[in-house]
């Protein structure tokens, strides 16, 4: 919100006019709201990280420290993502706020993400592309090493040996990083993610969600910069794809459909809507599309029940018994092999 100032040449009710006041540089105010939201989000994400490792920071506040590996990693990815937008906004003369973090309940990750407010529209499609694509690429550059290092520190078990819980889906990129770090893929083993790897996974998750080419998401900025008015057809196709994915898999997609309808499916035009991307930016735009494909997860989250297992001398194995060894009766419940990692 902007507030207009009185004309310094006006003398109000007095006459003659008062001499103009000496101009002073504007004072920068401490962004109290941004700082408070950042601090609250750091607390909620640290609590979530502590709960992930079996601690109870509510009963014992000292255990909040156990959530720092997860919290610091995730907050860094989100912060770098938003600073990518902010930096390119300043480069192109677009007025933008500092990042606003959104704290959430201290379960799972403890935050709903972060955002910046653009207080003036980008002057052209080229500027819009730079601002929109900078965030995902900046966050991606932090999330990838976080995933790799976290996977190296994760617990790897034979496939199917788990006690139930949340299973995370795999993108092409996450599977490739798993192969690089562990010499295997998530569909061959069960991986109990280290908190740093879990934060990296959610960093990639945020990247692909933001790159959906709809509305004023980062992907919507990129789609409009690439295709102009034709982005409307692309946005509607992807909304339909999301509905199908929600119907056939992860029901969380329906929440995203509602959110996208509220914020708008179409992208507003820039001041210069005719000048297309230059060849360098067009290559970068298609690379951004490739990034979306590499990080896309059709079914990001699923909850599974525990597998029937018994404990041997050194390892856990699934209790498998043939029909010949058992009298006829209800077959034991089996869980098909599933790509993913267990939290």
C-alpha atoms as a PDB file:
ATOM      1  CA  UNK A   1       0.000   0.000   0.000  1.00  0.00           C
ATOM      2  CA  UNK A   2       1.338   3.445  -0.930  1.00  0.00           C
ATOM      3  CA  UNK A   3       0.583   6.695   0.767  1.00  0.00           C
ATOM      4  CA  UNK A   4       0.713  10.029  -1.107  1.00  0.00           C
ATOM      5  CA  UNK A   5       2.509  12.943   0.456  1.00  0.00           C
ATOM      6  CA  UNK A   6       1.504  16.596   0.562  1.00  0.00           C
ATOM      7  CA  UNK A   7       3.128  18.934  -1.933  1.00  0.00           C
ATOM      8  CA  UNK A   8       6.046  20.554  -0.064  1.00  0.00           C
ATOM      9  CA  UNK A   9       5.436  23.816  -1.946  1.00  0.00           C
ATOM     10  CA  UNK A  10       2.021  24.165  -0.367  1.00  0.00           C
ATOM     11  CA  UNK A  11       1.901  26.391   2.689  1.00  0.00           C
ATOM     12  CA  UNK A  12      -1.346  24.947   3.936  1.00  0.00           C
ATOM     13  CA  UNK A  13      -3.586  27.671   5.311  1.00  0.00           C
ATOM     14  CA  UNK A  14      -0.716  30.160   5.637  1.00  0.00           C
ATOM     15  CA  UNK A  15       0.613  32.632   3.083  1.00  0.00           C
ATOM     16  CA  UNK A  16       3.164  33.096   1.640  1.00  0.00           C
ATOM     17  CA  UNK A  17       4.098  29.507   0.874  1.00  0.00           C
ATOM     18  CA  UNK A  18       6.626  27.928   3.164  1.00  0.00           C
ATOM     19  CA  UNK A  19      10.045  27.333   1.662  1.00  0.00           C
ATOM     20  CA  UNK A  20      10.586  23.811   0.407  1.00  0.00           C
ATOM     21  CA  UNK A  21      11.841  21.429   3.045  1.00  0.00           C
ATOM     22  CA  UNK A  22      15.289  19.987   2.578  1.00  0.00           C
ATOM     23  CA  UNK A  23      15.086  16.637   0.890  1.00  0.00           C
ATOM     24  CA  UNK A  24      16.385  13.741   2.905  1.00  0.00           C
ATOM     25  CA  UNK A  25      16.932  10.222   1.722  1.00  0.00           C
ATOM     26  CA  UNK A  26      14.088   7.890   2.678  1.00  0.00           C
ATOM     27  CA  UNK A  27      14.723   5.893   5.810  1.00  0.00           C
ATOM     28  CA  UNK A  28      14.616   2.148   5.495  1.00  0.00           C
ATOM     29  CA  UNK A  29      12.332   0.566   8.025  1.00  0.00           C
ATOM     30  CA  UNK A  30      13.062  -2.771   9.573  1.00  0.00           C
ATOM     31  CA  UNK A  31      10.805  -5.324   7.830  1.00  0.00           C
ATOM     32  CA  UNK A  32       9.245  -6.442  11.105  1.00  0.00           C
ATOM     33  CA  UNK A  33       6.532  -8.597   9.539  1.00  0.00           C
ATOM     34  CA  UNK A  34       9.036 -10.442   7.331  1.00  0.00           C
ATOM     35  CA  UNK A  35      11.395 -11.049  10.256  1.00  0.00           C
ATOM     36  CA  UNK A  36       8.640 -12.271  12.577  1.00  0.00           C
ATOM     37  CA  UNK A  37       7.200 -14.635   9.962  1.00  0.00           C
ATOM     38  CA  UNK A  38      10.681 -15.951   9.203  1.00  0.00           C
ATOM     39  CA  UNK A  39      11.336 -16.616  12.918  1.00  0.00           C
ATOM     40  CA  UNK A  40       7.959 -18.310  13.419  1.00  0.00           C
ATOM     41  CA  UNK A  41       8.494 -20.490  10.350  1.00  0.00           C
ATOM     42  CA  UNK A  42      11.948 -21.461  11.564  1.00  0.00           C
ATOM     43  CA  UNK A  43      10.404 -22.595  14.864  1.00  0.00           C
ATOM     44  CA  UNK A  44       7.584 -24.584  13.237  1.00  0.00           C
ATOM     45  CA  UNK A  45       9.898 -26.268  10.709  1.00  0.00           C
ATOM     46  CA  UNK A  46      12.378 -27.094  13.504  1.00  0.00           C
ATOM     47  CA  UNK A  47       9.552 -28.644  15.527  1.00  0.00           C
ATOM     48  CA  UNK A  48       8.513 -30.673  12.489  1.00  0.00           C
ATOM     49  CA  UNK A  49      12.107 -31.826  12.019  1.00  0.00           C
ATOM     50  CA  UNK A  50      12.348 -32.830  15.675  1.00  0.00           C
ATOM     51  CA  UNK A  51       9.118 -34.835  15.464  1.00  0.00           C
ATOM     52  CA  UNK A  52      10.507 -36.613  12.387  1.00  0.00           C
ATOM     53  CA  UNK A  53      13.409 -38.062  14.410  1.00  0.00           C
ATOM     54  CA  UNK A  54      11.178 -39.136  17.293  1.00  0.00           C
ATOM     55  CA  UNK A  55      11.770 -36.183  19.628  1.00  0.00           C
ATOM     56  CA  UNK A  56       9.076 -34.153  21.368  1.00  0.00           C
ATOM     57  CA  UNK A  57      10.068 -30.469  21.414  1.00  0.00           C
ATOM     58  CA  UNK A  58       6.860 -29.579  23.240  1.00  0.00           C
ATOM     59  CA  UNK A  59       7.667 -31.792  26.218  1.00  0.00           C
ATOM     60  CA  UNK A  60      11.400 -31.098  26.026  1.00  0.00           C
ATOM     61  CA  UNK A  61      12.213 -27.799  24.252  1.00  0.00           C
ATOM     62  CA  UNK A  62      15.929 -28.694  24.198  1.00  0.00           C
ATOM     63  CA  UNK A  63      15.179 -31.343  21.565  1.00  0.00           C
ATOM     64  CA  UNK A  64      14.228 -28.555  19.151  1.00  0.00           C
ATOM     65  CA  UNK A  65      17.904 -28.594  18.159  1.00  0.00           C
ATOM     66  CA  UNK A  66      17.367 -32.034  16.624  1.00  0.00           C
ATOM     67  CA  UNK A  67      15.100 -30.433  14.034  1.00  0.00           C
ATOM     68  CA  UNK A  68      17.705 -27.922  12.854  1.00  0.00           C
ATOM     69  CA  UNK A  69      19.200 -30.092  10.052  1.00  0.00           C
ATOM     70  CA  UNK A  70      15.784 -30.329   8.415  1.00  0.00           C
ATOM     71  CA  UNK A  71      14.717 -26.783   9.188  1.00  0.00           C
ATOM     72  CA  UNK A  72      17.905 -25.005   8.116  1.00  0.00           C
ATOM     73  CA  UNK A  73      18.044 -26.967   4.857  1.00  0.00           C
ATOM     74  CA  UNK A  74      14.407 -26.339   3.938  1.00  0.00           C
ATOM     75  CA  UNK A  75      14.452 -22.686   4.972  1.00  0.00           C
ATOM     76  CA  UNK A  76      17.611 -22.119   2.946  1.00  0.00           C
ATOM     77  CA  UNK A  77      16.034 -23.620  -0.183  1.00  0.00           C
ATOM     78  CA  UNK A  78      12.892 -21.506   0.217  1.00  0.00           C
ATOM     79  CA  UNK A  79      14.883 -18.355   0.990  1.00  0.00           C
ATOM     80  CA  UNK A  80      17.207 -18.760  -2.004  1.00  0.00           C
ATOM     81  CA  UNK A  81      14.183 -19.446  -4.221  1.00  0.00           C
ATOM     82  CA  UNK A  82      12.500 -16.201  -3.184  1.00  0.00           C
ATOM     83  CA  UNK A  83      15.720 -14.183  -3.311  1.00  0.00           C
ATOM     84  CA  UNK A  84      16.101 -15.325  -6.908  1.00  0.00           C
ATOM     85  CA  UNK A  85      12.773 -13.641  -7.688  1.00  0.00           C
ATOM     86  CA  UNK A  86      13.661 -10.588  -5.606  1.00  0.00           C
ATOM     87  CA  UNK A  87      17.082 -10.078  -7.185  1.00  0.00           C
ATOM     88  CA  UNK A  88      15.820 -10.235 -10.770  1.00  0.00           C
ATOM     89  CA  UNK A  89      12.920  -7.966  -9.838  1.00  0.00           C
ATOM     90  CA  UNK A  90      15.418  -5.349  -8.732  1.00  0.00           C
ATOM     91  CA  UNK A  91      17.477  -5.858 -11.896  1.00  0.00           C
ATOM     92  CA  UNK A  92      14.441  -5.069 -14.071  1.00  0.00           C
ATOM     93  CA  UNK A  93      13.160  -2.205 -11.938  1.00  0.00           C
ATOM     94  CA  UNK A  94      10.161  -4.148 -10.636  1.00  0.00           C
ATOM     95  CA  UNK A  95       9.192  -3.112  -7.113  1.00  0.00           C
ATOM     96  CA  UNK A  96       8.991  -6.216  -4.952  1.00  0.00           C
ATOM     97  CA  UNK A  97       8.738  -7.032  -1.271  1.00  0.00           C
ATOM     98  CA  UNK A  98      11.166  -9.063   0.734  1.00  0.00           C
ATOM     99  CA  UNK A  99      10.143 -12.729   1.169  1.00  0.00           C
ATOM    100  CA  UNK A 100       7.168 -13.557   3.369  1.00  0.00           C
ATOM    101  CA  UNK A 101       7.406 -16.995   4.994  1.00  0.00           C
ATOM    102  CA  UNK A 102       4.213 -18.805   5.941  1.00  0.00           C
ATOM    103  CA  UNK A 103       4.442 -20.877   9.143  1.00  0.00           C
ATOM    104  CA  UNK A 104       2.302 -23.980   9.357  1.00  0.00           C
ATOM    105  CA  UNK A 105       1.387 -26.654  11.881  1.00  0.00           C
ATOM    106  CA  UNK A 106       4.563 -28.403  13.108  1.00  0.00           C
ATOM    107  CA  UNK A 107       3.686 -31.638  11.325  1.00  0.00           C
ATOM    108  CA  UNK A 108       5.408 -33.045   8.258  1.00  0.00           C
ATOM    109  CA  UNK A 109       7.299 -29.857   7.221  1.00  0.00           C
ATOM    110  CA  UNK A 110       5.874 -27.048   9.366  1.00  0.00           C
ATOM    111  CA  UNK A 111       5.391 -24.438   6.625  1.00  0.00           C
ATOM    112  CA  UNK A 112       3.204 -23.532   3.670  1.00  0.00           C
ATOM    113  CA  UNK A 113       6.150 -22.033   1.781  1.00  0.00           C
ATOM    114  CA  UNK A 114       7.131 -18.442   1.061  1.00  0.00           C
ATOM    115  CA  UNK A 115       6.380 -15.719  -1.462  1.00  0.00           C
ATOM    116  CA  UNK A 116       7.263 -12.178  -2.497  1.00  0.00           C
ATOM    117  CA  UNK A 117       4.850  -9.486  -3.644  1.00  0.00           C
ATOM    118  CA  UNK A 118       5.534  -7.710  -6.915  1.00  0.00           C
ATOM    119  CA  UNK A 119       4.290  -4.179  -6.335  1.00  0.00           C
ATOM    120  CA  UNK A 120       4.649  -3.153  -9.973  1.00  0.00           C
ATOM    121  CA  UNK A 121       4.192  -5.254 -13.127  1.00  0.00           C
ATOM    122  CA  UNK A 122       7.195  -6.431 -15.157  1.00  0.00           C
ATOM    123  CA  UNK A 123       7.667  -4.128 -18.159  1.00  0.00           C
ATOM    124  CA  UNK A 124       7.985  -6.907 -20.756  1.00  0.00           C
ATOM    125  CA  UNK A 125       7.724 -10.620 -21.352  1.00  0.00           C
ATOM    126  CA  UNK A 126      11.513 -10.829 -21.205  1.00  0.00           C
ATOM    127  CA  UNK A 127      11.611  -9.240 -17.763  1.00  0.00           C
ATOM    128  CA  UNK A 128       8.722 -11.467 -16.647  1.00  0.00           C
ATOM    129  CA  UNK A 129      10.618 -14.568 -17.717  1.00  0.00           C
ATOM    130  CA  UNK A 130      13.748 -13.535 -15.835  1.00  0.00           C
ATOM    131  CA  UNK A 131      11.806 -12.856 -12.634  1.00  0.00           C
ATOM    132  CA  UNK A 132       9.634 -15.972 -12.892  1.00  0.00           C
ATOM    133  CA  UNK A 133      12.350 -18.480 -13.768  1.00  0.00           C
ATOM    134  CA  UNK A 134      14.999 -17.145 -11.365  1.00  0.00           C
ATOM    135  CA  UNK A 135      13.280 -18.554  -8.270  1.00  0.00           C
ATOM    136  CA  UNK A 136      12.941 -22.206  -9.329  1.00  0.00           C
ATOM    137  CA  UNK A 137      16.464 -22.307 -10.722  1.00  0.00           C
ATOM    138  CA  UNK A 138      17.964 -20.716  -7.595  1.00  0.00           C
ATOM    139  CA  UNK A 139      16.139 -23.106  -5.273  1.00  0.00           C
ATOM    140  CA  UNK A 140      17.015 -26.043  -7.509  1.00  0.00           C
ATOM    141  CA  UNK A 141      20.740 -25.286  -7.205  1.00  0.00           C
ATOM    142  CA  UNK A 142      20.460 -25.635  -3.418  1.00  0.00           C
ATOM    143  CA  UNK A 143      18.009 -28.561  -3.334  1.00  0.00           C
ATOM    144  CA  UNK A 144      20.109 -30.878  -5.530  1.00  0.00           C
ATOM    145  CA  UNK A 145      23.224 -30.975  -3.298  1.00  0.00           C
ATOM    146  CA  UNK A 146      20.946 -31.229  -0.249  1.00  0.00           C
ATOM    147  CA  UNK A 147      19.244 -34.302  -1.714  1.00  0.00           C
ATOM    148  CA  UNK A 148      22.552 -35.898  -2.692  1.00  0.00           C
ATOM    149  CA  UNK A 149      24.222 -35.377   0.710  1.00  0.00           C
ATOM    150  CA  UNK A 150      21.079 -36.385   2.580  1.00  0.00           C
ATOM    151  CA  UNK A 151      20.774 -39.593   0.569  1.00  0.00           C
ATOM    152  CA  UNK A 152      24.373 -40.455   1.421  1.00  0.00           C
ATOM    153  CA  UNK A 153      23.385 -40.174   5.112  1.00  0.00           C
ATOM    154  CA  UNK A 154      20.070 -42.051   4.755  1.00  0.00           C
ATOM    155  CA  UNK A 155      19.206 -45.541   5.990  1.00  0.00           C
ATOM    156  CA  UNK A 156      18.764 -48.087   3.194  1.00  0.00           C
ATOM    157  CA  UNK A 157      16.783 -51.276   3.831  1.00  0.00           C
ATOM    158  CA  UNK A 158      15.493 -54.128   1.672  1.00  0.00           C
ATOM    159  CA  UNK A 159      12.373 -53.342  -0.301  1.00  0.00           C
ATOM    160  CA  UNK A 160       9.135 -53.778   1.611  1.00  0.00           C
ATOM    161  CA  UNK A 161      10.584 -53.703   5.125  1.00  0.00           C
ATOM    162  CA  UNK A 162       8.783 -50.801   6.734  1.00  0.00           C
ATOM    163  CA  UNK A 163       6.437 -50.067   9.577  1.00  0.00           C
ATOM    164  CA  UNK A 164       4.039 -48.059   7.484  1.00  0.00           C
ATOM    165  CA  UNK A 165       3.729 -44.319   7.236  1.00  0.00           C
ATOM    166  CA  UNK A 166       4.225 -41.709   4.555  1.00  0.00           C
ATOM    167  CA  UNK A 167       5.721 -42.744   1.239  1.00  0.00           C
ATOM    168  CA  UNK A 168       7.155 -40.058  -1.027  1.00  0.00           C
ATOM    169  CA  UNK A 169       6.937 -40.343  -4.795  1.00  0.00           C
ATOM    170  CA  UNK A 170       9.927 -40.135  -7.094  1.00  0.00           C
ATOM    171  CA  UNK A 171      10.698 -37.762  -9.899  1.00  0.00           C
ATOM    172  CA  UNK A 172      13.123 -38.559 -12.700  1.00  0.00           C
ATOM    173  CA  UNK A 173      15.665 -36.294 -11.029  1.00  0.00           C
ATOM    174  CA  UNK A 174      15.264 -37.812  -7.550  1.00  0.00           C
ATOM    175  CA  UNK A 175      15.664 -41.337  -8.922  1.00  0.00           C
ATOM    176  CA  UNK A 176      18.820 -40.270 -10.779  1.00  0.00           C
ATOM    177  CA  UNK A 177      20.260 -38.682  -7.620  1.00  0.00           C
ATOM    178  CA  UNK A 178      19.440 -41.850  -5.669  1.00  0.00           C
ATOM    179  CA  UNK A 179      21.288 -43.942  -8.243  1.00  0.00           C
ATOM    180  CA  UNK A 180      24.243 -41.565  -8.076  1.00  0.00           C
ATOM    181  CA  UNK A 181      24.410 -41.397  -4.277  1.00  0.00           C
ATOM    182  CA  UNK A 182      23.459 -44.967  -3.326  1.00  0.00           C
ATOM    183  CA  UNK A 183      24.007 -47.034  -6.455  1.00  0.00           C
ATOM    184  CA  UNK A 184      20.359 -48.078  -6.470  1.00  0.00           C
ATOM    185  CA  UNK A 185      16.895 -46.678  -7.202  1.00  0.00           C
ATOM    186  CA  UNK A 186      13.918 -46.140  -4.882  1.00  0.00           C
ATOM    187  CA  UNK A 187      11.958 -48.952  -6.559  1.00  0.00           C
ATOM    188  CA  UNK A 188      14.652 -51.467  -5.533  1.00  0.00           C
ATOM    189  CA  UNK A 189      15.028 -50.612  -1.840  1.00  0.00           C
ATOM    190  CA  UNK A 190      13.282 -48.822   1.015  1.00  0.00           C
ATOM    191  CA  UNK A 191      15.043 -45.573   1.913  1.00  0.00           C
ATOM    192  CA  UNK A 192      14.475 -43.950   5.288  1.00  0.00           C
ATOM    193  CA  UNK A 193      15.401 -40.399   4.398  1.00  0.00           C
ATOM    194  CA  UNK A 194      17.819 -38.346   6.448  1.00  0.00           C
ATOM    195  CA  UNK A 195      16.222 -34.987   7.422  1.00  0.00           C
ATOM    196  CA  UNK A 196      18.509 -33.134   4.995  1.00  0.00           C
ATOM    197  CA  UNK A 197      17.407 -35.381   2.116  1.00  0.00           C
ATOM    198  CA  UNK A 198      13.782 -34.966   3.157  1.00  0.00           C
ATOM    199  CA  UNK A 199      14.150 -31.184   3.098  1.00  0.00           C
ATOM    200  CA  UNK A 200      15.780 -31.444  -0.329  1.00  0.00           C
ATOM    201  CA  UNK A 201      12.919 -33.618  -1.573  1.00  0.00           C
ATOM    202  CA  UNK A 202      10.403 -31.002  -0.464  1.00  0.00           C
ATOM    203  CA  UNK A 203      12.584 -28.350  -2.120  1.00  0.00           C
ATOM    204  CA  UNK A 204      12.253 -30.184  -5.441  1.00  0.00           C
ATOM    205  CA  UNK A 205       8.548 -30.696  -4.717  1.00  0.00           C
ATOM    206  CA  UNK A 206       8.089 -26.938  -4.286  1.00  0.00           C
ATOM    207  CA  UNK A 207      10.050 -26.378  -7.498  1.00  0.00           C
ATOM    208  CA  UNK A 208       7.799 -28.494  -9.687  1.00  0.00           C
ATOM    209  CA  UNK A 209       4.583 -27.208  -8.078  1.00  0.00           C
ATOM    210  CA  UNK A 210       5.659 -23.631  -8.757  1.00  0.00           C
ATOM    211  CA  UNK A 211       6.545 -24.552 -12.346  1.00  0.00           C
ATOM    212  CA  UNK A 212       3.003 -25.638 -13.199  1.00  0.00           C
ATOM    213  CA  UNK A 213       2.222 -23.402 -16.231  1.00  0.00           C
ATOM    214  CA  UNK A 214      -0.929 -21.935 -14.731  1.00  0.00           C
ATOM    215  CA  UNK A 215      -1.912 -18.468 -13.570  1.00  0.00           C
ATOM    216  CA  UNK A 216       0.702 -16.456 -11.701  1.00  0.00           C
ATOM    217  CA  UNK A 217       2.742 -19.402 -10.544  1.00  0.00           C
ATOM    218  CA  UNK A 218       6.364 -19.310 -11.665  1.00  0.00           C
ATOM    219  CA  UNK A 219       5.476 -21.694 -14.480  1.00  0.00           C
ATOM    220  CA  UNK A 220       2.617 -19.403 -15.468  1.00  0.00           C
ATOM    221  CA  UNK A 221       5.092 -16.527 -15.774  1.00  0.00           C
ATOM    222  CA  UNK A 222       7.330 -18.673 -17.974  1.00  0.00           C
ATOM    223  CA  UNK A 223       4.422 -19.902 -20.141  1.00  0.00           C
ATOM    224  CA  UNK A 224       3.148 -16.367 -20.714  1.00  0.00           C
ATOM    225  CA  UNK A 225       6.659 -15.127 -21.510  1.00  0.00           C
ATOM    226  CA  UNK A 226       7.096 -17.934 -24.051  1.00  0.00           C
ATOM    227  CA  UNK A 227       3.700 -18.037 -25.730  1.00  0.00           C
ATOM    228  CA  UNK A 228       1.873 -14.797 -24.945  1.00  0.00           C
ATOM    229  CA  UNK A 229      -1.916 -15.102 -25.187  1.00  0.00           C
ATOM    230  CA  UNK A 230      -1.584 -18.761 -26.204  1.00  0.00           C
ATOM    231  CA  UNK A 231      -0.666 -19.545 -22.588  1.00  0.00           C
ATOM    232  CA  UNK A 232      -4.412 -19.660 -21.804  1.00  0.00           C
ATOM    233  CA  UNK A 233      -4.884 -22.922 -23.680  1.00  0.00           C
ATOM    234  CA  UNK A 234      -1.807 -24.420 -21.995  1.00  0.00           C
ATOM    235  CA  UNK A 235      -3.078 -23.411 -18.553  1.00  0.00           C
ATOM    236  CA  UNK A 236      -6.485 -25.011 -19.122  1.00  0.00           C
ATOM    237  CA  UNK A 237      -4.924 -28.238 -20.376  1.00  0.00           C
ATOM    238  CA  UNK A 238      -2.806 -28.492 -17.243  1.00  0.00           C
ATOM    239  CA  UNK A 239      -5.760 -27.821 -14.961  1.00  0.00           C
ATOM    240  CA  UNK A 240      -7.519 -30.740 -16.667  1.00  0.00           C
ATOM    241  CA  UNK A 241      -4.394 -32.900 -16.233  1.00  0.00           C
ATOM    242  CA  UNK A 242      -4.316 -32.051 -12.524  1.00  0.00           C
ATOM    243  CA  UNK A 243      -7.970 -33.079 -12.149  1.00  0.00           C
ATOM    244  CA  UNK A 244      -7.229 -36.440 -13.811  1.00  0.00           C
ATOM    245  CA  UNK A 245      -4.176 -36.976 -11.572  1.00  0.00           C
ATOM    246  CA  UNK A 246      -6.285 -36.241  -8.506  1.00  0.00           C
ATOM    247  CA  UNK A 247      -8.990 -38.635  -9.666  1.00  0.00           C
ATOM    248  CA  UNK A 248      -6.538 -41.460 -10.321  1.00  0.00           C
ATOM    249  CA  UNK A 249      -3.942 -40.878  -7.607  1.00  0.00           C
ATOM    250  CA  UNK A 250      -3.035 -38.169  -5.124  1.00  0.00           C
ATOM    251  CA  UNK A 251      -6.158 -36.392  -3.869  1.00  0.00           C
ATOM    252  CA  UNK A 252      -4.092 -33.357  -2.900  1.00  0.00           C
ATOM    253  CA  UNK A 253      -4.297 -32.302  -6.549  1.00  0.00           C
ATOM    254  CA  UNK A 254      -7.918 -31.295  -5.971  1.00  0.00           C
ATOM    255  CA  UNK A 255      -6.776 -28.757  -3.387  1.00  0.00           C
ATOM    256  CA  UNK A 256      -4.445 -27.303  -6.006  1.00  0.00           C
ATOM    257  CA  UNK A 257      -7.281 -27.054  -8.521  1.00  0.00           C
ATOM    258  CA  UNK A 258      -9.328 -25.049  -6.013  1.00  0.00           C
ATOM    259  CA  UNK A 259      -6.323 -22.830  -5.212  1.00  0.00           C
ATOM    260  CA  UNK A 260      -5.616 -22.184  -8.893  1.00  0.00           C
ATOM    261  CA  UNK A 261      -9.249 -21.269  -9.508  1.00  0.00           C
ATOM    262  CA  UNK A 262      -9.081 -18.765  -6.660  1.00  0.00           C
ATOM    263  CA  UNK A 263      -5.885 -17.051  -7.844  1.00  0.00           C
ATOM    264  CA  UNK A 264      -6.864 -17.260 -11.526  1.00  0.00           C
ATOM    265  CA  UNK A 265      -5.891 -19.574 -14.356  1.00  0.00           C
ATOM    266  CA  UNK A 266      -4.912 -16.835 -16.829  1.00  0.00           C
ATOM    267  CA  UNK A 267      -1.876 -14.588 -16.546  1.00  0.00           C
ATOM    268  CA  UNK A 268      -2.329 -10.806 -16.711  1.00  0.00           C
ATOM    269  CA  UNK A 269      -0.589  -9.082 -19.648  1.00  0.00           C
ATOM    270  CA  UNK A 270       2.665  -7.202 -19.294  1.00  0.00           C
ATOM    271  CA  UNK A 271       3.059  -3.585 -20.428  1.00  0.00           C
ATOM    272  CA  UNK A 272       4.899  -4.808 -23.535  1.00  0.00           C
ATOM    273  CA  UNK A 273       3.020  -7.926 -24.525  1.00  0.00           C
ATOM    274  CA  UNK A 274       4.276  -8.108 -28.114  1.00  0.00           C
ATOM    275  CA  UNK A 275       8.068  -8.366 -27.905  1.00  0.00           C
ATOM    276  CA  UNK A 276       8.926 -12.101 -27.810  1.00  0.00           C
ATOM    277  CA  UNK A 277      11.789 -13.706 -25.930  1.00  0.00           C
ATOM    278  CA  UNK A 278      15.205 -13.336 -27.493  1.00  0.00           C
ATOM    279  CA  UNK A 279      17.020 -16.543 -28.595  1.00  0.00           C
ATOM    280  CA  UNK A 280      19.053 -16.797 -25.369  1.00  0.00           C
ATOM    281  CA  UNK A 281      15.989 -16.526 -23.163  1.00  0.00           C
ATOM    282  CA  UNK A 282      14.048 -18.918 -25.392  1.00  0.00           C
ATOM    283  CA  UNK A 283      16.714 -21.580 -24.828  1.00  0.00           C
ATOM    284  CA  UNK A 284      16.585 -20.862 -21.086  1.00  0.00           C
ATOM    285  CA  UNK A 285      12.790 -21.127 -21.172  1.00  0.00           C
ATOM    286  CA  UNK A 286      12.868 -24.566 -22.779  1.00  0.00           C
ATOM    287  CA  UNK A 287      15.470 -25.649 -20.219  1.00  0.00           C
ATOM    288  CA  UNK A 288      13.010 -24.510 -17.545  1.00  0.00           C
ATOM    289  CA  UNK A 289      10.384 -26.751 -19.157  1.00  0.00           C
ATOM    290  CA  UNK A 290      12.904 -29.623 -18.953  1.00  0.00           C
ATOM    291  CA  UNK A 291      13.427 -28.808 -15.261  1.00  0.00           C
ATOM    292  CA  UNK A 292       9.668 -29.101 -14.727  1.00  0.00           C
ATOM    293  CA  UNK A 293       9.614 -32.513 -16.435  1.00  0.00           C
ATOM    294  CA  UNK A 294      12.599 -33.780 -14.405  1.00  0.00           C
ATOM    295  CA  UNK A 295      11.058 -32.754 -11.066  1.00  0.00           C
ATOM    296  CA  UNK A 296       7.426 -33.641 -11.824  1.00  0.00           C
ATOM    297  CA  UNK A 297       5.845 -36.262  -9.530  1.00  0.00           C
ATOM    298  CA  UNK A 298       2.385 -37.565 -10.549  1.00  0.00           C
ATOM    299  CA  UNK A 299       1.647 -38.960  -7.059  1.00  0.00           C
ATOM    300  CA  UNK A 300       3.832 -37.075  -4.573  1.00  0.00           C
ATOM    301  CA  UNK A 301       2.504 -38.484  -1.291  1.00  0.00           C
ATOM    302  CA  UNK A 302       0.827 -41.689  -0.149  1.00  0.00           C
ATOM    303  CA  UNK A 303       0.144 -43.356   3.187  1.00  0.00           C
ATOM    304  CA  UNK A 304       0.763 -47.107   3.521  1.00  0.00           C
ATOM    305  CA  UNK A 305       0.145 -49.530   6.326  1.00  0.00           C
ATOM    306  CA  UNK A 306       2.853 -51.693   7.841  1.00  0.00           C
ATOM    307  CA  UNK A 307       4.055 -54.828   6.103  1.00  0.00           C
ATOM    308  CA  UNK A 308       3.849 -58.199   7.931  1.00  0.00           C
ATOM    309  CA  UNK A 309       7.435 -59.021   8.916  1.00  0.00           C
ATOM    310  CA  UNK A 310       9.247 -61.163  11.465  1.00  0.00           C
ATOM    311  CA  UNK A 311      12.685 -60.640  12.931  1.00  0.00           C
ATOM    312  CA  UNK A 312      15.455 -63.112  12.141  1.00  0.00           C
ATOM    313  CA  UNK A 313      18.913 -63.215  13.627  1.00  0.00           C
ATOM    314  CA  UNK A 314      20.283 -60.204  11.772  1.00  0.00           C
ATOM    315  CA  UNK A 315      17.687 -58.814   9.469  1.00  0.00           C
ATOM    316  CA  UNK A 316      14.012 -58.274   8.930  1.00  0.00           C
ATOM    317  CA  UNK A 317      12.319 -60.292   6.211  1.00  0.00           C
ATOM    318  CA  UNK A 318       8.773 -60.463   4.963  1.00  0.00           C
ATOM    319  CA  UNK A 319       6.755 -63.384   6.299  1.00  0.00           C
ATOM    320  CA  UNK A 320       6.002 -65.314   3.102  1.00  0.00           C
ATOM    321  CA  UNK A 321       4.320 -68.694   3.268  1.00  0.00           C
ATOM    322  CA  UNK A 322       3.167 -70.800   0.331  1.00  0.00           C
ATOM    323  CA  UNK A 323      -0.350 -72.144  -0.026  1.00  0.00           C
ATOM    324  CA  UNK A 324       0.917 -75.720   0.332  1.00  0.00           C
ATOM    325  CA  UNK A 325       2.348 -74.969   3.768  1.00  0.00           C
ATOM    326  CA  UNK A 326      -0.863 -73.413   5.086  1.00  0.00           C
ATOM    327  CA  UNK A 327      -4.464 -74.490   5.234  1.00  0.00           C
ATOM    328  CA  UNK A 328      -6.847 -72.619   3.001  1.00  0.00           C
ATOM    329  CA  UNK A 329      -7.894 -69.295   4.466  1.00  0.00           C
ATOM    330  CA  UNK A 330      -7.675 -65.571   3.938  1.00  0.00           C
ATOM    331  CA  UNK A 331      -4.510 -64.632   2.104  1.00  0.00           C
ATOM    332  CA  UNK A 332      -2.165 -62.320   3.976  1.00  0.00           C
ATOM    333  CA  UNK A 333      -2.298 -58.719   2.799  1.00  0.00           C
ATOM    334  CA  UNK A 334       0.532 -57.802   0.453  1.00  0.00           C
ATOM    335  CA  UNK A 335       1.795 -54.458  -0.658  1.00  0.00           C
ATOM    336  CA  UNK A 336       2.973 -54.264  -4.260  1.00  0.00           C
ATOM    337  CA  UNK A 337       6.430 -52.865  -4.897  1.00  0.00           C
ATOM    338  CA  UNK A 338       6.192 -49.120  -5.035  1.00  0.00           C
ATOM    339  CA  UNK A 339       8.604 -46.422  -5.969  1.00  0.00           C
ATOM    340  CA  UNK A 340       9.131 -44.060  -3.132  1.00  0.00           C
ATOM    341  CA  UNK A 341      10.857 -43.449   0.115  1.00  0.00           C
ATOM    342  CA  UNK A 342       9.496 -43.888   3.558  1.00  0.00           C
ATOM    343  CA  UNK A 343       9.356 -41.164   6.146  1.00  0.00           C
END
